[in-house]
């Protein structure tokens, strides 16, 4: 099966293409220029893999939360490809993907640990959620870095941050909440997550089938 997956929820453009057992990845920081880069980079990746775009069997994207512009571009592109090629589309919640990047690792196998995926929401706020044992244990949050650490459960947990914007949140915390220096936390370095998205999307498709035609981006803040 030929599958393409892309994440446009942050300032990074992250694309993975799988042909049989080979995976090709493009990962780059582009700011909020997804409308300029997404289609050309999909074409470049297919060309480098010697695959015609018509031969894709499944399209996968993140559905949010994240950058309003990035999500709109990503979802519109995914829907356009799915409709034009008459192929199925699956979208996966962004925070689930970022959190999942830290599971199946030895350091995240204890009940006393919580994973917090992080997306910069601008205006000194972040989109995030709390996960324990790969299960989401909070709502999706639109929250300041300072208020995040007022959540009581975090006082007794070892904390692991993931996602492309985790370092931004940590930098703010180091400046404003000195008590975090007594807490146990770790930051998963920014890196391509598109292969994880690809695997999760295939699993979603096998379990639930394609997205409804009415599925759109997930926003946890009013986009206007």
C-alpha atoms as a PDB file:
ATOM      1  CA  UNK A   1       0.000   0.000   0.000  1.00  0.00           C
ATOM      2  CA  UNK A   2       1.274   3.478  -0.922  1.00  0.00           C
ATOM      3  CA  UNK A   3       0.507   5.926   1.888  1.00  0.00           C
ATOM      4  CA  UNK A   4       1.328   9.598   2.415  1.00  0.00           C
ATOM      5  CA  UNK A   5       0.999  11.421   5.753  1.00  0.00           C
ATOM      6  CA  UNK A   6       1.642  15.060   6.566  1.00  0.00           C
ATOM      7  CA  UNK A   7       1.491  17.327   9.599  1.00  0.00           C
ATOM      8  CA  UNK A   8       0.919  21.055   9.093  1.00  0.00           C
ATOM      9  CA  UNK A   9      -0.157  22.001  12.642  1.00  0.00           C
ATOM     10  CA  UNK A  10       3.009  23.925  13.551  1.00  0.00           C
ATOM     11  CA  UNK A  11       5.760  25.942  11.867  1.00  0.00           C
ATOM     12  CA  UNK A  12       7.227  22.667  10.627  1.00  0.00           C
ATOM     13  CA  UNK A  13       6.206  20.844   7.477  1.00  0.00           C
ATOM     14  CA  UNK A  14       6.493  17.122   8.104  1.00  0.00           C
ATOM     15  CA  UNK A  15       5.729  14.571   5.370  1.00  0.00           C
ATOM     16  CA  UNK A  16       6.189  10.800   5.240  1.00  0.00           C
ATOM     17  CA  UNK A  17       5.627   8.570   2.229  1.00  0.00           C
ATOM     18  CA  UNK A  18       5.556   4.777   2.547  1.00  0.00           C
ATOM     19  CA  UNK A  19       5.849   2.427  -0.407  1.00  0.00           C
ATOM     20  CA  UNK A  20       5.695  -1.194   0.703  1.00  0.00           C
ATOM     21  CA  UNK A  21       8.362  -1.290   3.447  1.00  0.00           C
ATOM     22  CA  UNK A  22      10.279   1.828   2.391  1.00  0.00           C
ATOM     23  CA  UNK A  23       9.621   5.180   4.054  1.00  0.00           C
ATOM     24  CA  UNK A  24      10.680   8.585   2.714  1.00  0.00           C
ATOM     25  CA  UNK A  25      10.555  11.676   4.963  1.00  0.00           C
ATOM     26  CA  UNK A  26      10.790  15.435   4.505  1.00  0.00           C
ATOM     27  CA  UNK A  27      10.939  17.617   7.612  1.00  0.00           C
ATOM     28  CA  UNK A  28      11.678  21.341   7.599  1.00  0.00           C
ATOM     29  CA  UNK A  29      10.795  24.532   9.418  1.00  0.00           C
ATOM     30  CA  UNK A  30       8.861  26.797   7.039  1.00  0.00           C
ATOM     31  CA  UNK A  31       7.044  29.203   9.347  1.00  0.00           C
ATOM     32  CA  UNK A  32       3.409  29.538   8.298  1.00  0.00           C
ATOM     33  CA  UNK A  33       4.019  29.054   4.569  1.00  0.00           C
ATOM     34  CA  UNK A  34       2.332  25.680   4.190  1.00  0.00           C
ATOM     35  CA  UNK A  35       0.278  26.904   1.234  1.00  0.00           C
ATOM     36  CA  UNK A  36       3.527  27.548  -0.659  1.00  0.00           C
ATOM     37  CA  UNK A  37       5.419  24.410   0.331  1.00  0.00           C
ATOM     38  CA  UNK A  38       3.009  21.527   0.937  1.00  0.00           C
ATOM     39  CA  UNK A  39       2.045  20.521  -2.612  1.00  0.00           C
ATOM     40  CA  UNK A  40       5.540  21.065  -4.104  1.00  0.00           C
ATOM     41  CA  UNK A  41       7.108  18.992  -1.330  1.00  0.00           C
ATOM     42  CA  UNK A  42       4.570  16.192  -1.765  1.00  0.00           C
ATOM     43  CA  UNK A  43       5.423  16.152  -5.464  1.00  0.00           C
ATOM     44  CA  UNK A  44       9.165  16.168  -4.703  1.00  0.00           C
ATOM     45  CA  UNK A  45       8.819  13.283  -2.264  1.00  0.00           C
ATOM     46  CA  UNK A  46       6.822  11.212  -4.763  1.00  0.00           C
ATOM     47  CA  UNK A  47       9.386  11.972  -7.462  1.00  0.00           C
ATOM     48  CA  UNK A  48      12.294  10.939  -5.224  1.00  0.00           C
ATOM     49  CA  UNK A  49      10.458   7.694  -4.464  1.00  0.00           C
ATOM     50  CA  UNK A  50       9.685   7.141  -8.160  1.00  0.00           C
ATOM     51  CA  UNK A  51       5.953   7.078  -7.409  1.00  0.00           C
ATOM     52  CA  UNK A  52       3.181   8.738  -9.379  1.00  0.00           C
ATOM     53  CA  UNK A  53       0.861  10.681  -7.107  1.00  0.00           C
ATOM     54  CA  UNK A  54      -2.037   8.848  -8.806  1.00  0.00           C
ATOM     55  CA  UNK A  55      -0.728   5.622  -7.257  1.00  0.00           C
ATOM     56  CA  UNK A  56      -1.324   6.695  -3.662  1.00  0.00           C
ATOM     57  CA  UNK A  57      -3.748   4.423  -1.800  1.00  0.00           C
ATOM     58  CA  UNK A  58      -4.329   6.390   1.423  1.00  0.00           C
ATOM     59  CA  UNK A  59      -3.928  10.019   2.523  1.00  0.00           C
ATOM     60  CA  UNK A  60      -3.336  10.892   6.198  1.00  0.00           C
ATOM     61  CA  UNK A  61      -3.085  14.288   7.927  1.00  0.00           C
ATOM     62  CA  UNK A  62      -3.282  15.812  11.385  1.00  0.00           C
ATOM     63  CA  UNK A  63      -6.600  17.475  12.157  1.00  0.00           C
ATOM     64  CA  UNK A  64      -5.637  19.812  15.007  1.00  0.00           C
ATOM     65  CA  UNK A  65      -5.409  21.614  17.235  1.00  0.00           C
ATOM     66  CA  UNK A  66      -2.642  23.774  15.847  1.00  0.00           C
ATOM     67  CA  UNK A  67      -2.002  26.722  13.565  1.00  0.00           C
ATOM     68  CA  UNK A  68      -5.290  27.782  11.977  1.00  0.00           C
ATOM     69  CA  UNK A  69      -3.568  28.486   8.667  1.00  0.00           C
ATOM     70  CA  UNK A  70      -1.566  25.274   8.702  1.00  0.00           C
ATOM     71  CA  UNK A  71      -4.567  23.107   9.587  1.00  0.00           C
ATOM     72  CA  UNK A  72      -6.743  24.649   6.886  1.00  0.00           C
ATOM     73  CA  UNK A  73      -4.064  24.156   4.259  1.00  0.00           C
ATOM     74  CA  UNK A  74      -3.348  20.603   5.391  1.00  0.00           C
ATOM     75  CA  UNK A  75      -6.978  19.502   5.575  1.00  0.00           C
ATOM     76  CA  UNK A  76      -7.890  21.188   2.275  1.00  0.00           C
ATOM     77  CA  UNK A  77      -4.932  19.551   0.540  1.00  0.00           C
ATOM     78  CA  UNK A  78      -5.739  16.139   1.998  1.00  0.00           C
ATOM     79  CA  UNK A  79      -9.384  16.420   0.984  1.00  0.00           C
ATOM     80  CA  UNK A  80      -8.425  17.633  -2.478  1.00  0.00           C
ATOM     81  CA  UNK A  81      -6.095  14.683  -2.994  1.00  0.00           C
ATOM     82  CA  UNK A  82      -8.638  12.198  -1.637  1.00  0.00           C
ATOM     83  CA  UNK A  83     -11.423  13.567  -3.830  1.00  0.00           C
ATOM     84  CA  UNK A  84      -9.303  13.946  -6.948  1.00  0.00           C
ATOM     85  CA  UNK A  85      -7.719  10.509  -6.660  1.00  0.00           C
ATOM     86  CA  UNK A  86     -10.848   8.831  -5.266  1.00  0.00           C
ATOM     87  CA  UNK A  87      -8.795   7.506  -2.352  1.00  0.00           C
ATOM     88  CA  UNK A  88      -9.628   7.345   1.382  1.00  0.00           C
ATOM     89  CA  UNK A  89      -8.581  10.052   3.846  1.00  0.00           C
ATOM     90  CA  UNK A  90      -7.853   9.658   7.559  1.00  0.00           C
ATOM     91  CA  UNK A  91      -7.098  12.549   9.914  1.00  0.00           C
ATOM     92  CA  UNK A  92      -5.587  12.067  13.388  1.00  0.00           C
ATOM     93  CA  UNK A  93      -5.737  14.496  16.351  1.00  0.00           C
ATOM     94  CA  UNK A  94      -2.409  16.337  16.476  1.00  0.00           C
ATOM     95  CA  UNK A  95      -1.865  16.073  20.232  1.00  0.00           C
ATOM     96  CA  UNK A  96      -2.428  12.297  20.114  1.00  0.00           C
ATOM     97  CA  UNK A  97       0.357  11.992  17.545  1.00  0.00           C
ATOM     98  CA  UNK A  98       2.823  14.181  19.436  1.00  0.00           C
ATOM     99  CA  UNK A  99       2.137  12.336  22.705  1.00  0.00           C
ATOM    100  CA  UNK A 100       2.440   8.942  21.042  1.00  0.00           C
ATOM    101  CA  UNK A 101       5.982   9.777  19.937  1.00  0.00           C
ATOM    102  CA  UNK A 102       7.137   9.136  23.508  1.00  0.00           C
ATOM    103  CA  UNK A 103       5.430   5.826  24.097  1.00  0.00           C
ATOM    104  CA  UNK A 104       6.946   2.421  23.459  1.00  0.00           C
ATOM    105  CA  UNK A 105      10.083   3.893  25.029  1.00  0.00           C
ATOM    106  CA  UNK A 106      11.562   2.615  28.292  1.00  0.00           C
ATOM    107  CA  UNK A 107      11.377   6.012  29.998  1.00  0.00           C
ATOM    108  CA  UNK A 108       7.594   6.304  29.632  1.00  0.00           C
ATOM    109  CA  UNK A 109       6.379   3.047  31.118  1.00  0.00           C
ATOM    110  CA  UNK A 110       5.493   4.132  34.661  1.00  0.00           C
ATOM    111  CA  UNK A 111       2.118   5.273  35.987  1.00  0.00           C
ATOM    112  CA  UNK A 112       3.790   8.194  37.809  1.00  0.00           C
ATOM    113  CA  UNK A 113       4.752   9.831  34.516  1.00  0.00           C
ATOM    114  CA  UNK A 114       2.700  12.139  32.350  1.00  0.00           C
ATOM    115  CA  UNK A 115       3.361  13.223  28.778  1.00  0.00           C
ATOM    116  CA  UNK A 116       2.388  16.735  27.672  1.00  0.00           C
ATOM    117  CA  UNK A 117       2.474  17.392  23.909  1.00  0.00           C
ATOM    118  CA  UNK A 118       2.937  21.088  23.164  1.00  0.00           C
ATOM    119  CA  UNK A 119       1.957  23.364  20.258  1.00  0.00           C
ATOM    120  CA  UNK A 120       2.646  27.110  20.355  1.00  0.00           C
ATOM    121  CA  UNK A 121      -0.766  28.825  20.220  1.00  0.00           C
ATOM    122  CA  UNK A 122       0.737  32.337  20.171  1.00  0.00           C
ATOM    123  CA  UNK A 123      -0.180  35.137  22.566  1.00  0.00           C
ATOM    124  CA  UNK A 124       1.969  33.350  25.214  1.00  0.00           C
ATOM    125  CA  UNK A 125      -0.410  30.382  25.245  1.00  0.00           C
ATOM    126  CA  UNK A 126      -0.091  26.737  24.238  1.00  0.00           C
ATOM    127  CA  UNK A 127      -2.287  23.940  22.982  1.00  0.00           C
ATOM    128  CA  UNK A 128      -1.586  20.838  25.029  1.00  0.00           C
ATOM    129  CA  UNK A 129      -3.127  17.925  26.928  1.00  0.00           C
ATOM    130  CA  UNK A 130      -2.089  15.407  29.571  1.00  0.00           C
ATOM    131  CA  UNK A 131      -1.498  11.751  28.718  1.00  0.00           C
ATOM    132  CA  UNK A 132      -0.705   8.869  31.066  1.00  0.00           C
ATOM    133  CA  UNK A 133      -0.020   5.355  29.832  1.00  0.00           C
ATOM    134  CA  UNK A 134      -0.798   6.595  26.314  1.00  0.00           C
ATOM    135  CA  UNK A 135      -4.324   7.536  27.458  1.00  0.00           C
ATOM    136  CA  UNK A 136      -5.526  11.134  27.317  1.00  0.00           C
ATOM    137  CA  UNK A 137      -6.451  12.157  30.863  1.00  0.00           C
ATOM    138  CA  UNK A 138      -7.424  15.801  30.267  1.00  0.00           C
ATOM    139  CA  UNK A 139      -9.308  17.888  27.776  1.00  0.00           C
ATOM    140  CA  UNK A 140      -7.338  19.619  25.037  1.00  0.00           C
ATOM    141  CA  UNK A 141      -6.148  22.847  26.645  1.00  0.00           C
ATOM    142  CA  UNK A 142      -5.498  26.383  25.463  1.00  0.00           C
ATOM    143  CA  UNK A 143      -3.395  27.552  28.407  1.00  0.00           C
ATOM    144  CA  UNK A 144      -0.450  29.693  29.485  1.00  0.00           C
ATOM    145  CA  UNK A 145       2.777  28.009  30.545  1.00  0.00           C
ATOM    146  CA  UNK A 146       2.369  29.343  34.078  1.00  0.00           C
ATOM    147  CA  UNK A 147      -1.225  28.128  34.462  1.00  0.00           C
ATOM    148  CA  UNK A 148      -0.294  24.679  33.154  1.00  0.00           C
ATOM    149  CA  UNK A 149       1.841  24.127  36.247  1.00  0.00           C
ATOM    150  CA  UNK A 150      -1.034  25.013  38.540  1.00  0.00           C
ATOM    151  CA  UNK A 151      -2.751  21.762  37.521  1.00  0.00           C
ATOM    152  CA  UNK A 152      -2.628  19.775  40.754  1.00  0.00           C
ATOM    153  CA  UNK A 153      -1.879  16.347  39.256  1.00  0.00           C
ATOM    154  CA  UNK A 154       1.456  17.599  37.911  1.00  0.00           C
ATOM    155  CA  UNK A 155       2.800  18.246  41.397  1.00  0.00           C
ATOM    156  CA  UNK A 156       3.357  14.540  41.983  1.00  0.00           C
ATOM    157  CA  UNK A 157       4.224  13.357  38.480  1.00  0.00           C
ATOM    158  CA  UNK A 158       7.371  13.061  36.414  1.00  0.00           C
ATOM    159  CA  UNK A 159       6.685  15.169  33.340  1.00  0.00           C
ATOM    160  CA  UNK A 160       7.766  14.596  29.754  1.00  0.00           C
ATOM    161  CA  UNK A 161       7.117  17.218  27.100  1.00  0.00           C
ATOM    162  CA  UNK A 162       6.868  16.392  23.413  1.00  0.00           C
ATOM    163  CA  UNK A 163       6.122  18.202  20.183  1.00  0.00           C
ATOM    164  CA  UNK A 164       7.923  20.810  18.100  1.00  0.00           C
ATOM    165  CA  UNK A 165       7.215  23.703  20.492  1.00  0.00           C
ATOM    166  CA  UNK A 166       8.042  22.068  23.824  1.00  0.00           C
ATOM    167  CA  UNK A 167      11.284  24.035  24.206  1.00  0.00           C
ATOM    168  CA  UNK A 168       9.392  27.334  23.911  1.00  0.00           C
ATOM    169  CA  UNK A 169       7.153  26.411  26.845  1.00  0.00           C
ATOM    170  CA  UNK A 170      10.106  25.211  28.910  1.00  0.00           C
ATOM    171  CA  UNK A 171      11.998  28.453  28.279  1.00  0.00           C
ATOM    172  CA  UNK A 172       9.058  30.479  29.606  1.00  0.00           C
ATOM    173  CA  UNK A 173       8.745  28.241  32.657  1.00  0.00           C
ATOM    174  CA  UNK A 174      12.428  28.616  33.500  1.00  0.00           C
ATOM    175  CA  UNK A 175      11.978  32.379  33.471  1.00  0.00           C
ATOM    176  CA  UNK A 176       8.694  32.562  35.399  1.00  0.00           C
ATOM    177  CA  UNK A 177       8.386  29.469  37.593  1.00  0.00           C
ATOM    178  CA  UNK A 178      11.684  28.736  39.377  1.00  0.00           C
ATOM    179  CA  UNK A 179      10.083  25.866  41.303  1.00  0.00           C
ATOM    180  CA  UNK A 180      10.222  23.696  38.168  1.00  0.00           C
ATOM    181  CA  UNK A 181      13.931  23.199  38.858  1.00  0.00           C
ATOM    182  CA  UNK A 182      12.920  20.878  41.714  1.00  0.00           C
ATOM    183  CA  UNK A 183      10.635  18.809  39.475  1.00  0.00           C
ATOM    184  CA  UNK A 184      11.484  15.879  37.233  1.00  0.00           C
ATOM    185  CA  UNK A 185      10.835  16.609  33.593  1.00  0.00           C
ATOM    186  CA  UNK A 186      12.326  15.873  30.226  1.00  0.00           C
ATOM    187  CA  UNK A 187      11.880  17.343  26.772  1.00  0.00           C
ATOM    188  CA  UNK A 188      11.582  15.127  23.724  1.00  0.00           C
ATOM    189  CA  UNK A 189      13.680  16.864  21.037  1.00  0.00           C
ATOM    190  CA  UNK A 190      11.927  18.265  17.989  1.00  0.00           C
ATOM    191  CA  UNK A 191      12.129  15.765  15.192  1.00  0.00           C
ATOM    192  CA  UNK A 192      10.017  14.345  12.422  1.00  0.00           C
ATOM    193  CA  UNK A 193       6.791  12.784  13.716  1.00  0.00           C
ATOM    194  CA  UNK A 194       5.300  12.037  10.311  1.00  0.00           C
ATOM    195  CA  UNK A 195       6.281   8.366  10.419  1.00  0.00           C
ATOM    196  CA  UNK A 196       4.412   8.022  13.721  1.00  0.00           C
ATOM    197  CA  UNK A 197       1.449   9.837  12.123  1.00  0.00           C
ATOM    198  CA  UNK A 198       1.622   7.461   9.182  1.00  0.00           C
ATOM    199  CA  UNK A 199       1.504   4.381  11.426  1.00  0.00           C
ATOM    200  CA  UNK A 200      -1.326   5.779  13.555  1.00  0.00           C
ATOM    201  CA  UNK A 201      -3.308   6.782  10.470  1.00  0.00           C
ATOM    202  CA  UNK A 202      -3.056   3.309   8.973  1.00  0.00           C
ATOM    203  CA  UNK A 203      -4.244   1.836  12.279  1.00  0.00           C
ATOM    204  CA  UNK A 204      -7.140   4.320  12.445  1.00  0.00           C
ATOM    205  CA  UNK A 205      -8.129   3.390   8.899  1.00  0.00           C
ATOM    206  CA  UNK A 206      -8.000  -0.346   9.568  1.00  0.00           C
ATOM    207  CA  UNK A 207     -10.081   0.047  12.743  1.00  0.00           C
ATOM    208  CA  UNK A 208     -12.568   2.730  11.719  1.00  0.00           C
ATOM    209  CA  UNK A 209     -12.410   3.252   7.978  1.00  0.00           C
ATOM    210  CA  UNK A 210     -11.983   6.667   6.321  1.00  0.00           C
ATOM    211  CA  UNK A 211     -13.026  10.049   7.702  1.00  0.00           C
ATOM    212  CA  UNK A 212     -16.560  11.270   7.299  1.00  0.00           C
ATOM    213  CA  UNK A 213     -16.863  13.765   4.452  1.00  0.00           C
ATOM    214  CA  UNK A 214     -17.928  16.343   7.072  1.00  0.00           C
ATOM    215  CA  UNK A 215     -14.759  15.972   9.163  1.00  0.00           C
ATOM    216  CA  UNK A 216     -12.886  19.249   9.455  1.00  0.00           C
ATOM    217  CA  UNK A 217     -10.041  20.656  11.562  1.00  0.00           C
ATOM    218  CA  UNK A 218     -10.240  20.594  15.365  1.00  0.00           C
ATOM    219  CA  UNK A 219     -10.084  24.075  16.870  1.00  0.00           C
ATOM    220  CA  UNK A 220     -10.017  24.673  20.620  1.00  0.00           C
ATOM    221  CA  UNK A 221      -9.925  28.444  20.181  1.00  0.00           C
ATOM    222  CA  UNK A 222     -12.205  30.577  18.047  1.00  0.00           C
ATOM    223  CA  UNK A 223     -10.389  31.030  14.724  1.00  0.00           C
ATOM    224  CA  UNK A 224     -11.813  34.486  14.085  1.00  0.00           C
END
